[in-house]
Amino acid sequence: MRILLDTQCWLWMSLAPERFSGRGRRLVEDTSHTLYFSAASAWEIAIKHGLGKLRLPEPPATYVASRAAALGVVPLAIELAHALRVSVLPPFHRDPFDRLLVAQAQIDDLTLLTADPAIRQYAVDTIDA
């Protein structure tokens, strides 16, 4: 399975894996699945850290890069098509980062692992984290 991690799930993998449900934890630990980490999530982490809303053990530039490598996630770039897809999404969610993750999952045929019930309203495959 090809799984796009929402930002919260990626942070859980790094900082609090006990927050996952049993199924969510099994999915992220199963090496037969390919886990994707979006540049949108890295951007969100950098912004929240800069605003003092997210504490990390080191600056985002080093933390995200080192943890992404250690966790074996595949980086997912933000393409023009991803950004433009956001314009046709229903307004179920106001968070621009989550909307971009939905667009990426739709276009790239990824299953989105999330704990956010608002995301599950979109026409996208999701798994409850």
Protein backbone atom coordinates (compact mmCIF):
# COMPACT_ATOMS: atom_id res chain seq x y z
CA MET A 1 0.00 0.00 0.00
CA ARG A 2 1.14 3.54 -0.75
CA ILE A 3 0.39 5.71 2.28
CA LEU A 4 0.62 9.49 2.57
CA LEU A 5 1.17 10.49 6.19
CA ASP A 6 -0.60 13.58 7.36
CA THR A 7 1.59 15.93 9.36
CA GLN A 8 0.29 14.81 12.74
CA CYS A 9 0.92 11.14 11.90
CA TRP A 10 4.47 11.86 10.78
CA LEU A 11 5.10 13.69 14.04
CA TRP A 12 3.61 10.76 15.97
CA MET A 13 6.02 8.40 14.21
CA SER A 14 8.90 10.54 15.42
CA LEU A 15 7.76 11.76 18.82
CA ALA A 16 4.82 9.70 20.10
CA PRO A 17 4.17 6.38 18.30
CA GLU A 18 1.91 5.29 21.17
CA ARG A 19 -0.69 7.78 19.90
CA PHE A 20 -1.48 5.56 16.90
CA SER A 21 -4.31 3.07 16.99
CA GLY A 22 -3.21 -0.55 16.80
CA ARG A 23 -3.97 -0.65 13.08
CA GLY A 24 -2.26 2.68 12.40
CA ARG A 25 0.89 1.57 14.17
CA ARG A 26 0.96 -1.77 12.34
CA LEU A 27 0.64 0.05 9.01
CA VAL A 28 3.52 2.44 9.61
CA GLU A 29 5.75 -0.34 10.96
CA ASP A 30 5.03 -2.72 8.06
CA THR A 31 7.93 -2.31 5.64
CA SER A 32 5.87 -3.70 2.76
CA HIS A 33 4.04 -0.35 2.67
CA THR A 34 5.59 2.74 1.09
CA LEU A 35 5.17 5.78 3.34
CA TYR A 36 5.17 9.25 1.76
CA PHE A 37 5.96 12.53 3.51
CA SER A 38 4.77 15.66 1.73
CA ALA A 39 6.71 18.87 1.38
CA ALA A 40 3.44 20.45 2.58
CA SER A 41 3.93 18.74 5.95
CA ALA A 42 7.53 19.93 6.18
CA TRP A 43 6.31 23.45 5.42
CA GLU A 44 3.59 23.17 8.07
CA ILE A 45 6.10 21.94 10.65
CA ALA A 46 8.49 24.80 9.85
CA ILE A 47 5.72 27.40 10.18
CA LYS A 48 4.31 26.01 13.43
CA HIS A 49 7.78 25.71 14.93
CA GLY A 50 8.61 29.29 13.91
CA LEU A 51 5.40 30.53 15.56
CA GLY A 52 6.21 28.67 18.77
CA LYS A 53 3.24 26.28 18.35
CA LEU A 54 5.38 23.17 17.85
CA ARG A 55 8.34 22.16 19.97
CA LEU A 56 10.96 19.93 18.40
CA PRO A 57 14.19 18.53 19.84
CA GLU A 58 16.18 20.45 17.21
CA PRO A 59 15.49 23.03 14.45
CA PRO A 60 13.08 21.83 11.74
CA ALA A 61 15.71 21.96 8.97
CA THR A 62 17.81 19.30 10.69
CA TYR A 63 15.06 17.45 12.55
CA VAL A 64 12.77 16.82 9.58
CA ALA A 65 15.60 15.76 7.29
CA SER A 66 17.18 13.39 9.80
CA ARG A 67 13.89 11.85 10.96
CA ALA A 68 12.58 11.43 7.40
CA ALA A 69 15.75 9.53 6.50
CA ALA A 70 15.65 7.43 9.68
CA LEU A 71 11.97 6.58 9.20
CA GLY A 72 12.49 5.65 5.56
CA VAL A 73 9.72 7.84 4.20
CA VAL A 74 9.62 8.88 0.56
CA PRO A 75 9.55 12.66 0.07
CA LEU A 76 6.62 13.94 -1.97
CA ALA A 77 7.11 17.26 -3.76
CA ILE A 78 4.32 19.77 -4.25
CA GLU A 79 3.57 19.91 -7.96
CA LEU A 80 1.56 22.54 -9.82
CA ALA A 81 -1.27 20.03 -10.34
CA HIS A 82 -1.46 19.42 -6.57
CA ALA A 83 -1.75 23.12 -5.82
CA LEU A 84 -4.39 23.67 -8.48
CA ARG A 85 -6.49 20.67 -7.40
CA VAL A 86 -7.14 22.45 -4.09
CA SER A 87 -9.36 24.92 -5.97
CA VAL A 88 -11.96 22.24 -6.73
CA LEU A 89 -12.09 20.64 -3.29
CA PRO A 90 -15.26 21.20 -1.26
CA PRO A 91 -14.72 23.44 1.78
CA PHE A 92 -14.88 20.60 4.34
CA HIS A 93 -11.57 21.68 5.81
CA ARG A 94 -10.12 25.16 6.14
CA ASP A 95 -6.52 24.11 6.83
CA PRO A 96 -4.56 24.74 3.60
CA PHE A 97 -1.95 22.09 4.43
CA ASP A 98 -4.57 19.38 4.92
CA ARG A 99 -6.33 20.41 1.73
CA LEU A 100 -3.04 20.11 -0.16
CA LEU A 101 -2.47 16.64 1.32
CA VAL A 102 -5.94 15.61 0.10
CA ALA A 103 -5.11 16.92 -3.39
CA GLN A 104 -1.82 15.02 -3.43
CA ALA A 105 -3.50 11.80 -2.30
CA GLN A 106 -6.16 12.16 -5.00
CA ILE A 107 -3.77 12.92 -7.85
CA ASP A 108 -1.07 10.42 -6.87
CA ASP A 109 -3.52 7.67 -5.86
CA LEU A 110 -2.30 7.49 -2.27
CA THR A 111 -4.14 6.43 0.88
CA LEU A 112 -4.03 9.18 3.48
CA LEU A 113 -3.29 8.11 7.06
CA THR A 114 -4.92 10.67 9.34
CA ALA A 115 -6.56 11.23 12.71
CA ASP A 116 -8.52 14.20 11.36
CA PRO A 117 -12.22 13.40 10.81
CA ALA A 118 -12.69 16.41 8.49
CA ILE A 119 -10.29 14.89 5.96
CA ARG A 120 -12.39 11.73 5.76
CA GLN A 121 -15.22 13.78 4.20
CA TYR A 122 -13.23 14.15 0.96
CA ALA A 123 -13.28 11.74 -1.97
CA VAL A 124 -9.97 10.19 -1.00
CA ASP A 125 -8.96 6.87 0.50
CA THR A 126 -8.16 7.32 4.18
CA ILE A 127 -7.17 5.19 7.11
CA ASP A 128 -7.88 6.29 10.66
CA ALA A 129 -4.60 6.69 12.49
